[in-house]
Amino acid sequence: MKKIMLIGKIGSGKTTLIQAIKNFPLKYIKTQVIHYIDEFIDVPGEYLENRSLYRAIVITAAQADIICLVADATSSDNGFPEGFASMFINKAVGIVTKSDKKGANTERAIAYLKQAGVKKIVMTSAYYRQGIEEVIGMLEKA
C-alpha cells in the first residue's frame, strides 16, 4: 500500500477509519500531533481548522502518495475551502465517514468534497465495514 495522508475536521473519523482499514479495535483516540501509523499519516483536525497550520499540512503531504480528504456525513460544517485539493501535487481522493449514523447527510458530505476538488469519493462506515475494502483497493491501486 502507498503512503496515505488523511485530512479532515476534528472528529471526522480519520483515526477510526485507519483502525478499520488496519483491522485494529475501533476506539476513540484523540490525535494531538501528526501521527504516523505504518503507511498512514493522521493529521489532527486542528490543522485543517486553523489556516495558519496549512503550511504544515502541505509540507507533510510531500511524504504521501495519496491525500484523503475525510468528510463526516453527520456534520453540517464544511471544513474544506473551495479548491483545497489543488494545494497538493499528490492525488487527492474523498472519503465520507459515518454514513451509517442517524442524521447522516451523505449528499452534503459529497458536495463538500467535490467543492474541495476531489473526483473520486468513497462512502464508508467503519463500524459496519461499509466501503472499507473499496478504500483499501483504491489506495492500493492509486
Protein backbone atom coordinates (compact mmCIF):
# COMPACT_ATOMS: atom_id res chain seq x y z
CA MET A 1 0.00 0.00 0.00
CA LYS A 2 1.15 3.52 -0.70
CA LYS A 3 1.77 6.25 1.91
CA ILE A 4 -1.64 7.76 2.74
CA MET A 5 -2.35 11.11 4.41
CA LEU A 6 -5.79 11.71 5.97
CA ILE A 7 -7.06 15.26 6.42
CA GLY A 8 -10.40 16.22 7.95
CA LYS A 9 -12.08 18.17 10.70
CA ILE A 10 -11.85 17.26 14.38
CA GLY A 11 -13.97 14.16 15.00
CA SER A 12 -14.46 13.36 11.31
CA GLY A 13 -13.35 9.75 11.83
CA LYS A 14 -9.83 9.75 10.37
CA THR A 15 -8.26 7.67 13.13
CA THR A 16 -11.25 5.30 13.27
CA LEU A 17 -11.01 4.84 9.50
CA ILE A 18 -7.34 3.88 9.87
CA GLN A 19 -8.28 1.43 12.65
CA ALA A 20 -10.92 -0.17 10.39
CA ILE A 21 -8.51 -0.47 7.45
CA LYS A 22 -5.81 -1.99 9.68
CA ASN A 23 -8.31 -4.29 11.45
CA PHE A 24 -7.46 -2.71 14.80
CA PRO A 25 -10.11 -2.49 17.54
CA LEU A 26 -12.28 0.58 16.97
CA LYS A 27 -11.77 3.00 19.84
CA TYR A 28 -11.70 6.76 20.02
CA ILE A 29 -8.23 8.22 20.20
CA LYS A 30 -7.74 11.98 20.01
CA THR A 31 -4.88 12.74 17.63
CA GLN A 32 -2.84 15.55 19.15
CA VAL A 33 0.00 15.81 16.63
CA ILE A 34 0.67 14.49 13.15
CA HIS A 35 0.73 10.77 13.80
CA TYR A 36 2.39 8.11 11.65
CA ILE A 37 0.74 4.68 11.74
CA ASP A 38 2.58 2.38 9.34
CA GLU A 39 1.67 3.70 5.87
CA PHE A 40 -0.80 6.29 7.22
CA ILE A 41 -0.25 9.91 8.17
CA ASP A 42 -3.06 11.01 10.51
CA VAL A 43 -3.37 14.80 10.62
CA PRO A 44 -5.14 16.34 13.65
CA GLY A 45 -8.33 18.18 12.71
CA GLU A 46 -6.96 21.37 14.23
CA TYR A 47 -4.51 21.60 11.33
CA LEU A 48 -7.39 21.88 8.86
CA GLU A 49 -9.40 24.20 11.07
CA ASN A 50 -6.51 26.66 11.58
CA ARG A 51 -5.32 28.16 8.30
CA SER A 52 -2.00 29.16 9.87
CA LEU A 53 -1.21 25.41 10.01
CA TYR A 54 -1.83 24.80 6.28
CA ARG A 55 1.91 25.09 5.65
CA ALA A 56 2.47 22.08 7.94
CA ILE A 57 -0.18 20.13 6.01
CA VAL A 58 1.41 20.91 2.64
CA ILE A 59 4.93 20.11 3.85
CA THR A 60 3.80 16.81 5.39
CA ALA A 61 1.84 15.96 2.23
CA ALA A 62 5.15 15.76 0.35
CA GLN A 63 5.72 12.46 2.19
CA ALA A 64 2.42 10.97 0.99
CA ASP A 65 1.45 9.29 -2.26
CA ILE A 66 -2.27 9.90 -1.78
CA ILE A 67 -4.15 12.62 0.08
CA CYS A 68 -7.52 11.56 1.53
CA LEU A 69 -9.92 14.34 2.39
CA VAL A 70 -12.29 12.96 5.02
CA ALA A 71 -15.80 14.38 5.44
CA ASP A 72 -18.15 13.38 8.27
CA ALA A 73 -21.67 12.72 6.92
CA THR A 74 -23.18 13.80 10.25
CA SER A 75 -21.56 17.25 10.27
CA SER A 76 -23.20 20.27 8.69
CA ASP A 77 -19.90 22.16 8.76
CA ASN A 78 -17.67 22.14 5.71
CA GLY A 79 -14.05 22.13 6.83
CA PHE A 80 -12.60 22.32 3.33
CA PRO A 81 -12.18 25.59 1.46
CA GLU A 82 -13.12 25.60 -2.21
CA GLY A 83 -10.35 24.00 -4.27
CA PHE A 84 -8.46 22.78 -1.18
CA ALA A 85 -7.23 19.65 -3.00
CA SER A 86 -5.39 21.81 -5.55
CA MET A 87 -2.81 22.69 -2.85
CA PHE A 88 -1.30 19.25 -3.29
CA ILE A 89 0.76 17.81 -6.11
CA ASN A 90 -0.36 14.34 -4.98
CA LYS A 91 -3.57 12.64 -5.99
CA ALA A 92 -6.46 13.62 -3.71
CA VAL A 93 -9.49 11.40 -3.06
CA GLY A 94 -12.52 11.88 -0.85
CA ILE A 95 -13.86 9.61 1.87
CA VAL A 96 -17.24 10.12 3.50
CA THR A 97 -17.33 8.68 7.03
CA LYS A 98 -20.20 7.87 9.38
CA SER A 99 -22.61 7.18 6.52
CA ASP A 100 -24.46 4.74 8.81
CA LYS A 101 -25.19 7.23 11.60
CA LYS A 102 -28.60 8.70 12.35
CA GLY A 103 -28.89 12.08 10.69
CA ALA A 104 -26.14 11.38 8.18
CA ASN A 105 -26.40 13.50 5.05
CA THR A 106 -24.11 11.82 2.55
CA GLU A 107 -25.13 14.13 -0.31
CA ARG A 108 -23.96 17.16 1.67
CA ALA A 109 -20.64 15.48 2.53
CA ILE A 110 -20.12 14.56 -1.14
CA ALA A 111 -20.86 18.15 -2.16
CA TYR A 112 -18.26 19.43 0.33
CA LEU A 113 -15.64 17.05 -1.06
CA LYS A 114 -16.43 17.93 -4.67
CA GLN A 115 -16.19 21.62 -3.83
CA ALA A 116 -12.78 20.87 -2.30
CA GLY A 117 -11.73 19.45 -5.67
CA VAL A 118 -11.79 15.66 -5.36
CA LYS A 119 -13.18 13.49 -8.14
CA LYS A 120 -13.16 10.00 -6.58
CA ILE A 121 -15.29 9.63 -3.42
CA VAL A 122 -15.97 6.52 -1.31
CA MET A 123 -18.75 6.16 1.27
CA THR A 124 -17.75 4.40 4.49
CA SER A 125 -18.92 3.12 7.83
CA ALA A 126 -16.04 1.91 9.99
CA TYR A 127 -18.38 0.06 12.35
CA TYR A 128 -20.15 -1.88 9.62
CA ARG A 129 -17.04 -2.01 7.38
CA GLN A 130 -19.06 -0.47 4.55
CA GLY A 131 -16.70 0.81 1.88
CA ILE A 132 -13.55 -0.25 3.75
CA GLU A 133 -12.49 -2.83 1.15
CA GLU A 134 -13.18 -0.28 -1.60
CA VAL A 135 -10.96 2.24 0.19
CA ILE A 136 -8.21 -0.37 0.56
CA GLY A 137 -8.46 -1.24 -3.14
CA MET A 138 -8.44 2.41 -4.16
CA LEU A 139 -5.38 3.11 -2.04
CA GLU A 140 -3.51 0.06 -3.32
CA LYS A 141 -4.16 0.95 -6.97
CA ALA A 142 -3.62 4.69 -6.80
